[in-house]
């Protein structure tokens, strides 16, 4: 279906020019979020869902990238063990505390803590299908929990 519009040319005369009548764009029909767990998947220790794609937004062409280092995971675990939730630092806008903790865990002395934190990290994808669920906070879990910083098998197994 074409829509004919009048366009002014360089000579000042109006000429008909066809344009598409309907412009179709890919948008998200649901809200997608991610949640993390630094304690091996314990039920009460998941972070609040962080929205990745929101309702009625254009869907990006490529994948959503999330980067984690084992030192950052160990810093989150260290915060939780000290009684301070790592999300509290984000709320007050002071992520430098977490980054400083992560830097202190780099190097040979932090290997055991980094290894333990990397093995216990879990990642979960969630979605909401209706806007009504926003008030209720009802998220639907998509797929299984993932362990991104661990290897499932080695090349020797193949």
N, C-alpha and C. Protein backbone atom coordinates (compact mmCIF):
# COMPACT_ATOMS: atom_id res chain seq x y z
N UNK A 1 0.86 -1.16 0.00
CA UNK A 1 0.00 0.00 0.00
C UNK A 1 0.90 1.22 0.00
N UNK A 2 0.65 2.13 -0.93
CA UNK A 2 1.45 3.36 -1.03
C UNK A 2 0.56 4.56 -0.77
N UNK A 3 1.13 5.56 -0.20
CA UNK A 3 0.47 6.82 0.05
C UNK A 3 1.16 7.86 -0.82
N UNK A 4 0.41 8.60 -1.58
CA UNK A 4 1.00 9.59 -2.48
C UNK A 4 0.93 10.95 -1.79
N UNK A 5 2.10 11.58 -1.65
CA UNK A 5 2.17 12.90 -1.05
C UNK A 5 2.78 13.87 -2.04
N UNK A 6 2.56 15.13 -1.82
CA UNK A 6 3.09 16.16 -2.69
C UNK A 6 4.39 16.68 -2.09
N UNK A 7 5.46 16.64 -2.88
CA UNK A 7 6.78 17.06 -2.41
C UNK A 7 7.26 18.21 -3.28
N UNK A 8 7.79 19.25 -2.63
CA UNK A 8 8.29 20.41 -3.36
C UNK A 8 9.68 20.09 -3.89
N UNK A 9 9.87 20.25 -5.18
CA UNK A 9 11.14 19.97 -5.82
C UNK A 9 12.10 21.15 -5.71
N UNK A 10 13.30 20.99 -6.29
CA UNK A 10 14.30 22.05 -6.24
C UNK A 10 13.91 23.25 -7.11
N UNK A 11 13.05 23.00 -8.08
CA UNK A 11 12.61 24.09 -8.95
C UNK A 11 11.38 24.80 -8.40
N UNK A 12 10.90 24.40 -7.21
CA UNK A 12 9.77 25.05 -6.60
C UNK A 12 8.43 24.45 -6.94
N UNK A 13 8.38 23.49 -7.84
CA UNK A 13 7.11 22.88 -8.24
C UNK A 13 6.81 21.68 -7.34
N UNK A 14 5.52 21.47 -7.09
CA UNK A 14 5.08 20.31 -6.29
C UNK A 14 4.85 19.12 -7.21
N UNK A 15 5.43 17.97 -6.80
CA UNK A 15 5.28 16.74 -7.58
C UNK A 15 4.82 15.62 -6.64
N UNK A 16 4.01 14.71 -7.17
CA UNK A 16 3.57 13.58 -6.34
C UNK A 16 4.73 12.60 -6.12
N UNK A 17 4.81 12.08 -4.89
CA UNK A 17 5.85 11.11 -4.56
C UNK A 17 5.22 10.03 -3.68
N UNK A 18 5.35 8.75 -4.09
CA UNK A 18 4.77 7.67 -3.26
C UNK A 18 5.64 7.39 -2.03
N UNK A 19 4.98 7.15 -0.90
CA UNK A 19 5.65 6.76 0.35
C UNK A 19 4.90 5.57 0.91
N UNK A 20 5.57 4.74 1.69
CA UNK A 20 4.85 3.62 2.31
C UNK A 20 3.77 4.15 3.26
N UNK A 21 2.59 3.58 3.18
CA UNK A 21 1.48 4.03 4.02
C UNK A 21 1.62 3.51 5.45
N UNK A 22 2.26 2.36 5.61
CA UNK A 22 2.42 1.76 6.92
C UNK A 22 3.90 1.53 7.15
N UNK A 23 4.40 2.02 8.26
CA UNK A 23 5.81 1.83 8.62
C UNK A 23 5.87 0.84 9.77
N UNK A 24 6.36 -0.36 9.52
CA UNK A 24 6.39 -1.43 10.52
C UNK A 24 7.75 -1.44 11.21
N UNK A 25 7.72 -1.46 12.54
CA UNK A 25 8.95 -1.52 13.33
C UNK A 25 8.80 -2.64 14.35
N UNK A 26 9.89 -3.31 14.64
CA UNK A 26 9.86 -4.37 15.65
C UNK A 26 9.95 -3.75 17.03
N UNK A 27 8.97 -4.04 17.87
CA UNK A 27 8.98 -3.55 19.24
C UNK A 27 8.76 -4.73 20.18
N UNK A 28 9.20 -4.54 21.42
CA UNK A 28 9.04 -5.59 22.42
C UNK A 28 7.59 -5.65 22.88
N UNK A 29 7.01 -6.83 22.84
CA UNK A 29 5.63 -7.02 23.31
C UNK A 29 5.60 -7.40 24.78
N UNK A 30 6.78 -7.53 25.38
CA UNK A 30 6.86 -7.86 26.79
C UNK A 30 8.05 -7.12 27.40
N UNK A 31 8.16 -7.16 28.71
CA UNK A 31 9.27 -6.55 29.41
C UNK A 31 10.22 -7.66 29.82
N UNK A 32 11.51 -7.50 29.54
CA UNK A 32 12.50 -8.53 29.84
C UNK A 32 13.49 -7.96 30.85
N UNK A 33 13.84 -8.77 31.84
CA UNK A 33 14.77 -8.35 32.89
C UNK A 33 15.73 -9.48 33.23
N UNK A 34 16.79 -9.13 33.93
CA UNK A 34 17.76 -10.12 34.41
C UNK A 34 17.90 -9.98 35.93
N UNK A 35 18.24 -11.07 36.58
CA UNK A 35 18.45 -11.08 38.02
C UNK A 35 19.68 -11.94 38.30
N UNK A 36 20.44 -11.58 39.34
CA UNK A 36 21.68 -12.28 39.65
C UNK A 36 21.63 -12.84 41.07
N UNK A 37 22.40 -13.90 41.28
CA UNK A 37 22.52 -14.51 42.60
C UNK A 37 23.98 -14.87 42.78
N UNK A 38 24.59 -14.38 43.85
CA UNK A 38 26.01 -14.61 44.12
C UNK A 38 26.22 -15.73 45.13
N UNK A 39 25.15 -16.47 45.46
CA UNK A 39 25.21 -17.46 46.53
C UNK A 39 24.76 -18.84 46.07
N UNK A 40 25.08 -19.22 44.86
CA UNK A 40 24.79 -20.56 44.37
C UNK A 40 23.33 -20.84 44.11
N UNK A 41 22.53 -19.82 43.93
CA UNK A 41 21.12 -20.00 43.60
C UNK A 41 20.20 -20.09 44.78
N UNK A 42 20.65 -19.71 45.98
CA UNK A 42 19.77 -19.72 47.15
C UNK A 42 18.56 -18.84 46.88
N UNK A 43 17.38 -19.30 47.23
CA UNK A 43 16.14 -18.64 46.84
C UNK A 43 16.00 -17.21 47.34
N UNK A 44 16.33 -16.91 48.54
CA UNK A 44 16.10 -15.57 49.07
C UNK A 44 17.16 -14.55 48.71
N UNK A 45 18.14 -14.92 47.91
CA UNK A 45 19.29 -14.04 47.69
C UNK A 45 19.40 -13.50 46.26
N UNK A 46 18.32 -13.52 45.48
CA UNK A 46 18.34 -12.98 44.12
C UNK A 46 18.22 -11.47 44.16
N UNK A 47 18.92 -10.79 43.27
CA UNK A 47 18.82 -9.33 43.19
C UNK A 47 17.47 -8.95 42.58
N UNK A 48 17.08 -7.70 42.76
CA UNK A 48 15.86 -7.20 42.13
C UNK A 48 16.05 -7.26 40.61
N UNK A 49 15.02 -7.60 39.85
CA UNK A 49 15.16 -7.67 38.40
C UNK A 49 15.54 -6.31 37.78
N UNK A 50 16.52 -6.35 36.88
CA UNK A 50 16.96 -5.14 36.17
C UNK A 50 16.40 -5.22 34.76
N UNK A 51 15.59 -4.24 34.37
CA UNK A 51 14.94 -4.26 33.07
C UNK A 51 15.97 -4.07 31.96
N UNK A 52 15.92 -4.97 30.99
CA UNK A 52 16.81 -4.91 29.83
C UNK A 52 16.05 -4.34 28.63
N UNK A 53 14.88 -4.88 28.34
CA UNK A 53 14.00 -4.39 27.28
C UNK A 53 12.66 -4.07 27.92
N UNK A 54 12.13 -2.88 27.62
CA UNK A 54 10.86 -2.47 28.20
C UNK A 54 9.74 -2.60 27.17
N UNK A 55 8.50 -2.50 27.63
CA UNK A 55 7.35 -2.56 26.74
C UNK A 55 7.45 -1.49 25.66
N UNK A 56 7.01 -1.84 24.46
CA UNK A 56 6.88 -0.91 23.33
C UNK A 56 8.17 -0.18 22.96
N UNK A 57 9.29 -0.74 23.23
CA UNK A 57 10.57 -0.17 22.82
C UNK A 57 11.08 -0.98 21.64
N UNK A 58 11.86 -0.34 20.81
CA UNK A 58 12.42 -1.06 19.66
C UNK A 58 13.38 -2.13 20.14
N UNK A 59 13.30 -3.27 19.53
CA UNK A 59 14.16 -4.39 19.90
C UNK A 59 15.51 -4.22 19.19
N UNK A 60 16.62 -4.23 19.92
CA UNK A 60 17.92 -4.07 19.26
C UNK A 60 18.26 -5.28 18.40
N UNK A 61 19.10 -5.03 17.40
CA UNK A 61 19.45 -6.10 16.45
C UNK A 61 20.38 -7.13 17.08
N UNK A 62 21.23 -6.71 17.98
CA UNK A 62 22.21 -7.63 18.55
C UNK A 62 21.85 -8.10 19.94
N UNK A 63 22.67 -8.95 20.52
CA UNK A 63 22.41 -9.46 21.87
C UNK A 63 22.70 -8.40 22.93
N UNK A 64 22.11 -8.57 24.10
CA UNK A 64 22.37 -7.69 25.25
C UNK A 64 23.60 -8.25 25.95
N UNK A 65 24.57 -7.41 26.19
CA UNK A 65 25.84 -7.87 26.75
C UNK A 65 25.92 -7.53 28.23
N UNK A 66 26.27 -8.52 29.04
CA UNK A 66 26.48 -8.35 30.47
C UNK A 66 27.88 -8.85 30.77
N UNK A 67 28.69 -7.99 31.38
CA UNK A 67 30.07 -8.39 31.70
C UNK A 67 30.25 -8.50 33.21
N UNK A 68 30.85 -9.57 33.62
CA UNK A 68 31.16 -9.82 35.02
C UNK A 68 32.59 -10.29 35.14
N UNK A 69 33.24 -9.87 36.19
CA UNK A 69 34.55 -10.46 36.50
C UNK A 69 34.39 -11.20 37.82
N UNK A 70 35.25 -12.15 38.05
CA UNK A 70 35.19 -12.92 39.30
C UNK A 70 35.46 -12.01 40.49
N UNK A 71 36.29 -10.98 40.31
CA UNK A 71 36.59 -10.05 41.41
C UNK A 71 35.34 -9.25 41.79
N UNK A 72 34.54 -8.84 40.80
CA UNK A 72 33.30 -8.12 41.10
C UNK A 72 32.33 -9.00 41.87
N UNK A 73 32.21 -10.26 41.45
CA UNK A 73 31.33 -11.20 42.15
C UNK A 73 31.80 -11.39 43.59
N UNK A 74 33.11 -11.53 43.79
CA UNK A 74 33.65 -11.70 45.13
C UNK A 74 33.38 -10.47 45.99
N UNK A 75 33.41 -9.27 45.38
CA UNK A 75 33.11 -8.04 46.12
C UNK A 75 31.65 -8.03 46.59
N UNK A 76 30.74 -8.49 45.74
CA UNK A 76 29.32 -8.57 46.13
C UNK A 76 29.15 -9.55 47.29
N UNK A 77 29.83 -10.69 47.23
CA UNK A 77 29.74 -11.69 48.30
C UNK A 77 30.30 -11.11 49.60
N UNK A 78 31.43 -10.41 49.49
CA UNK A 78 32.06 -9.81 50.67
C UNK A 78 31.14 -8.77 51.31
N UNK A 79 30.45 -7.98 50.49
CA UNK A 79 29.49 -6.99 51.02
C UNK A 79 28.38 -7.70 51.79
N UNK A 80 27.85 -8.77 51.22
CA UNK A 80 26.74 -9.48 51.85
C UNK A 80 27.17 -10.12 53.17
N UNK A 81 28.38 -10.64 53.20
CA UNK A 81 28.86 -11.27 54.43
C UNK A 81 29.11 -10.24 55.53
N UNK A 82 29.43 -9.01 55.14
CA UNK A 82 29.66 -7.96 56.13
C UNK A 82 28.35 -7.36 56.65
N UNK A 83 27.22 -7.82 56.07
CA UNK A 83 25.91 -7.35 56.52
C UNK A 83 25.37 -6.19 55.70
N UNK A 84 26.12 -5.70 54.74
CA UNK A 84 25.67 -4.59 53.89
C UNK A 84 25.34 -5.16 52.53
N UNK A 85 24.13 -4.94 52.05
CA UNK A 85 23.74 -5.44 50.72
C UNK A 85 24.44 -4.63 49.65
N UNK A 86 24.91 -5.30 48.60
CA UNK A 86 25.62 -4.60 47.53
C UNK A 86 24.70 -3.65 46.78
N UNK A 87 23.38 -3.92 46.79
CA UNK A 87 22.43 -3.01 46.14
C UNK A 87 22.35 -1.67 46.88
N UNK A 88 22.67 -1.66 48.20
CA UNK A 88 22.64 -0.41 48.95
C UNK A 88 23.63 0.60 48.39
N UNK A 89 24.79 0.12 47.93
CA UNK A 89 25.79 1.02 47.36
C UNK A 89 25.28 1.62 46.06
N UNK A 90 24.56 0.84 45.27
CA UNK A 90 24.02 1.35 44.00
C UNK A 90 22.95 2.41 44.25
N UNK A 91 22.13 2.17 45.28
CA UNK A 91 21.04 3.10 45.57
C UNK A 91 21.57 4.47 45.96
N UNK A 92 22.67 4.51 46.71
CA UNK A 92 23.22 5.81 47.11
C UNK A 92 24.19 6.34 46.06
N UNK A 93 24.37 5.60 44.97
CA UNK A 93 25.22 6.06 43.88
C UNK A 93 26.70 5.94 44.16
N UNK A 94 27.09 5.06 45.07
CA UNK A 94 28.50 4.93 45.42
C UNK A 94 29.02 3.56 45.01
N UNK A 95 29.07 3.32 43.71
CA UNK A 95 29.61 2.05 43.23
C UNK A 95 31.12 1.99 43.35
N UNK A 96 31.76 3.11 43.65
CA UNK A 96 33.21 3.10 43.80
C UNK A 96 33.64 2.21 44.95
N UNK A 97 32.78 2.06 45.98
CA UNK A 97 33.09 1.17 47.10
C UNK A 97 33.21 -0.27 46.59
N UNK A 98 32.26 -0.68 45.75
CA UNK A 98 32.31 -2.04 45.18
C UNK A 98 33.53 -2.21 44.28
N UNK A 99 33.81 -1.20 43.47
CA UNK A 99 34.96 -1.29 42.56
C UNK A 99 36.28 -1.36 43.34
N UNK A 100 36.37 -0.61 44.44
CA UNK A 100 37.58 -0.66 45.27
C UNK A 100 37.73 -2.04 45.91
N UNK A 101 36.60 -2.61 46.36
CA UNK A 101 36.66 -3.96 46.92
C UNK A 101 37.11 -4.96 45.86
N UNK A 102 36.59 -4.81 44.64
CA UNK A 102 36.96 -5.72 43.55
C UNK A 102 38.45 -5.60 43.25
N UNK A 103 38.98 -4.38 43.26
CA UNK A 103 40.43 -4.19 43.00
C UNK A 103 41.27 -4.82 44.10
N UNK A 104 40.78 -4.74 45.35
CA UNK A 104 41.54 -5.33 46.45
C UNK A 104 41.56 -6.86 46.37
N UNK A 105 40.61 -7.45 45.66
CA UNK A 105 40.55 -8.90 45.53
C UNK A 105 41.31 -9.42 44.31
N UNK A 106 41.88 -8.51 43.52
CA UNK A 106 42.69 -8.94 42.37
C UNK A 106 44.06 -9.36 42.87
N UNK A 107 44.75 -10.14 42.08
CA UNK A 107 46.08 -10.61 42.47
C UNK A 107 46.02 -12.00 43.06
N UNK A 108 47.19 -12.51 43.44
CA UNK A 108 47.32 -13.89 43.90
C UNK A 108 46.58 -14.15 45.21
N UNK A 109 46.52 -13.14 46.11
CA UNK A 109 45.87 -13.37 47.41
C UNK A 109 44.36 -13.54 47.27
N UNK A 110 43.75 -13.00 46.23
CA UNK A 110 42.31 -13.09 46.09
C UNK A 110 41.81 -14.26 45.26
N UNK A 111 42.72 -15.12 44.81
CA UNK A 111 42.31 -16.24 43.95
C UNK A 111 41.25 -17.13 44.59
N UNK A 112 41.41 -17.58 45.83
CA UNK A 112 40.38 -18.47 46.40
C UNK A 112 38.99 -17.81 46.48
N UNK A 113 38.95 -16.54 46.90
CA UNK A 113 37.65 -15.86 46.99
C UNK A 113 37.04 -15.64 45.61
N UNK A 114 37.87 -15.28 44.63
CA UNK A 114 37.36 -15.07 43.27
C UNK A 114 36.84 -16.37 42.67
N UNK A 115 37.57 -17.46 42.89
CA UNK A 115 37.15 -18.75 42.35
C UNK A 115 35.84 -19.20 42.96
N UNK A 116 35.70 -19.06 44.28
CA UNK A 116 34.47 -19.46 44.95
C UNK A 116 33.29 -18.62 44.45
N UNK A 117 33.50 -17.31 44.31
CA UNK A 117 32.43 -16.41 43.86
C UNK A 117 32.02 -16.72 42.41
N UNK A 118 32.99 -17.01 41.56
CA UNK A 118 32.69 -17.31 40.16
C UNK A 118 31.89 -18.60 40.04
N UNK A 119 32.21 -19.58 40.84
CA UNK A 119 31.49 -20.86 40.79
C UNK A 119 30.07 -20.74 41.33
N UNK A 120 29.83 -19.77 42.21
CA UNK A 120 28.51 -19.63 42.82
C UNK A 120 27.60 -18.64 42.11
N UNK A 121 28.11 -17.86 41.15
CA UNK A 121 27.29 -16.87 40.44
C UNK A 121 26.22 -17.56 39.60
N UNK A 122 24.99 -17.07 39.70
CA UNK A 122 23.87 -17.55 38.88
C UNK A 122 23.21 -16.35 38.22
N UNK A 123 22.61 -16.58 37.08
CA UNK A 123 22.02 -15.55 36.24
C UNK A 123 20.66 -16.06 35.79
N UNK A 124 19.63 -15.20 35.83
CA UNK A 124 18.27 -15.63 35.50
C UNK A 124 17.62 -14.59 34.59
N UNK A 125 16.90 -15.05 33.57
CA UNK A 125 16.16 -14.16 32.67
C UNK A 125 14.68 -14.23 33.03
N UNK A 126 14.05 -13.06 33.14
CA UNK A 126 12.65 -12.96 33.53
C UNK A 126 11.89 -12.10 32.52
N UNK A 127 10.57 -12.29 32.46
CA UNK A 127 9.76 -11.43 31.60
C UNK A 127 8.39 -11.18 32.21
N UNK A 128 7.80 -10.06 31.82
CA UNK A 128 6.41 -9.73 32.14
C UNK A 128 5.68 -9.62 30.82
N UNK A 129 4.50 -10.19 30.75
CA UNK A 129 3.77 -10.17 29.48
C UNK A 129 2.67 -9.13 29.44
N UNK A 130 2.24 -8.63 30.59
CA UNK A 130 1.21 -7.59 30.60
C UNK A 130 1.64 -6.47 31.52
N UNK A 131 1.15 -5.28 31.22
CA UNK A 131 1.49 -4.12 32.04
C UNK A 131 0.83 -4.20 33.42
N UNK A 132 -0.25 -4.96 33.54
CA UNK A 132 -0.94 -5.10 34.82
C UNK A 132 -0.04 -5.74 35.87
N UNK A 133 0.90 -6.57 35.42
CA UNK A 133 1.78 -7.27 36.34
C UNK A 133 2.80 -6.34 37.00
N UNK A 134 2.98 -5.12 36.46
CA UNK A 134 3.96 -4.20 37.03
C UNK A 134 3.64 -3.86 38.47
N UNK A 135 2.37 -3.68 38.79
CA UNK A 135 1.98 -3.37 40.17
C UNK A 135 2.18 -4.57 41.08
N UNK A 136 1.91 -5.75 40.56
CA UNK A 136 2.02 -6.97 41.37
C UNK A 136 3.46 -7.46 41.47
N UNK A 137 4.32 -7.01 40.56
CA UNK A 137 5.70 -7.48 40.56
C UNK A 137 5.85 -8.91 40.09
N UNK A 138 4.90 -9.41 39.30
CA UNK A 138 4.92 -10.80 38.86
C UNK A 138 5.82 -10.98 37.64
N UNK A 139 6.92 -11.64 37.82
CA UNK A 139 7.85 -11.94 36.73
C UNK A 139 7.75 -13.43 36.41
N UNK A 140 7.86 -13.76 35.13
CA UNK A 140 7.85 -15.15 34.68
C UNK A 140 9.30 -15.54 34.37
N UNK A 141 9.74 -16.63 34.94
CA UNK A 141 11.12 -17.09 34.70
C UNK A 141 11.21 -17.77 33.35
N UNK A 142 12.23 -17.42 32.58
CA UNK A 142 12.45 -17.99 31.25
C UNK A 142 13.68 -18.89 31.29
N UNK A 143 13.50 -20.16 31.02
CA UNK A 143 14.62 -21.10 30.98
C UNK A 143 15.17 -21.42 32.36
N UNK A 144 16.32 -22.06 32.35
CA UNK A 144 16.99 -22.45 33.60
C UNK A 144 17.96 -21.37 34.04
N UNK A 145 18.35 -21.44 35.30
CA UNK A 145 19.38 -20.53 35.79
C UNK A 145 20.70 -20.87 35.11
N UNK A 146 21.49 -19.84 34.83
CA UNK A 146 22.76 -20.05 34.12
C UNK A 146 23.93 -19.75 35.05
N UNK A 147 25.04 -20.43 34.82
CA UNK A 147 26.28 -20.21 35.55
C UNK A 147 27.32 -19.72 34.55
N UNK A 148 27.38 -18.39 34.31
CA UNK A 148 28.20 -17.90 33.21
C UNK A 148 29.71 -17.99 33.39
N UNK A 149 30.22 -18.00 34.61
CA UNK A 149 31.67 -18.00 34.80
C UNK A 149 32.23 -19.38 35.07
N UNK A 150 31.51 -20.43 34.68
CA UNK A 150 32.00 -21.79 34.86
C UNK A 150 32.00 -22.51 33.52
N UNK A 151 32.83 -23.54 33.43
CA UNK A 151 32.90 -24.34 32.20
C UNK A 151 32.13 -25.63 32.41
N UNK A 152 31.28 -25.97 31.46
CA UNK A 152 30.50 -27.20 31.55
C UNK A 152 31.36 -28.42 31.22
N UNK A 153 32.24 -28.27 30.25
CA UNK A 153 33.11 -29.38 29.85
C UNK A 153 34.39 -28.80 29.28
N UNK A 154 35.38 -29.62 29.15
CA UNK A 154 36.64 -29.16 28.55
C UNK A 154 36.80 -29.81 27.19
N UNK A 155 37.79 -29.37 26.46
CA UNK A 155 38.02 -29.93 25.12
C UNK A 155 38.51 -31.37 25.20
N UNK A 156 39.03 -31.78 26.34
CA UNK A 156 39.49 -33.15 26.51
C UNK A 156 38.33 -34.12 26.48
N UNK A 157 37.15 -33.66 26.95
CA UNK A 157 35.97 -34.53 27.00
C UNK A 157 35.41 -34.83 25.62
N UNK A 158 35.67 -33.98 24.65
CA UNK A 158 35.06 -34.15 23.32
C UNK A 158 35.74 -35.20 22.48
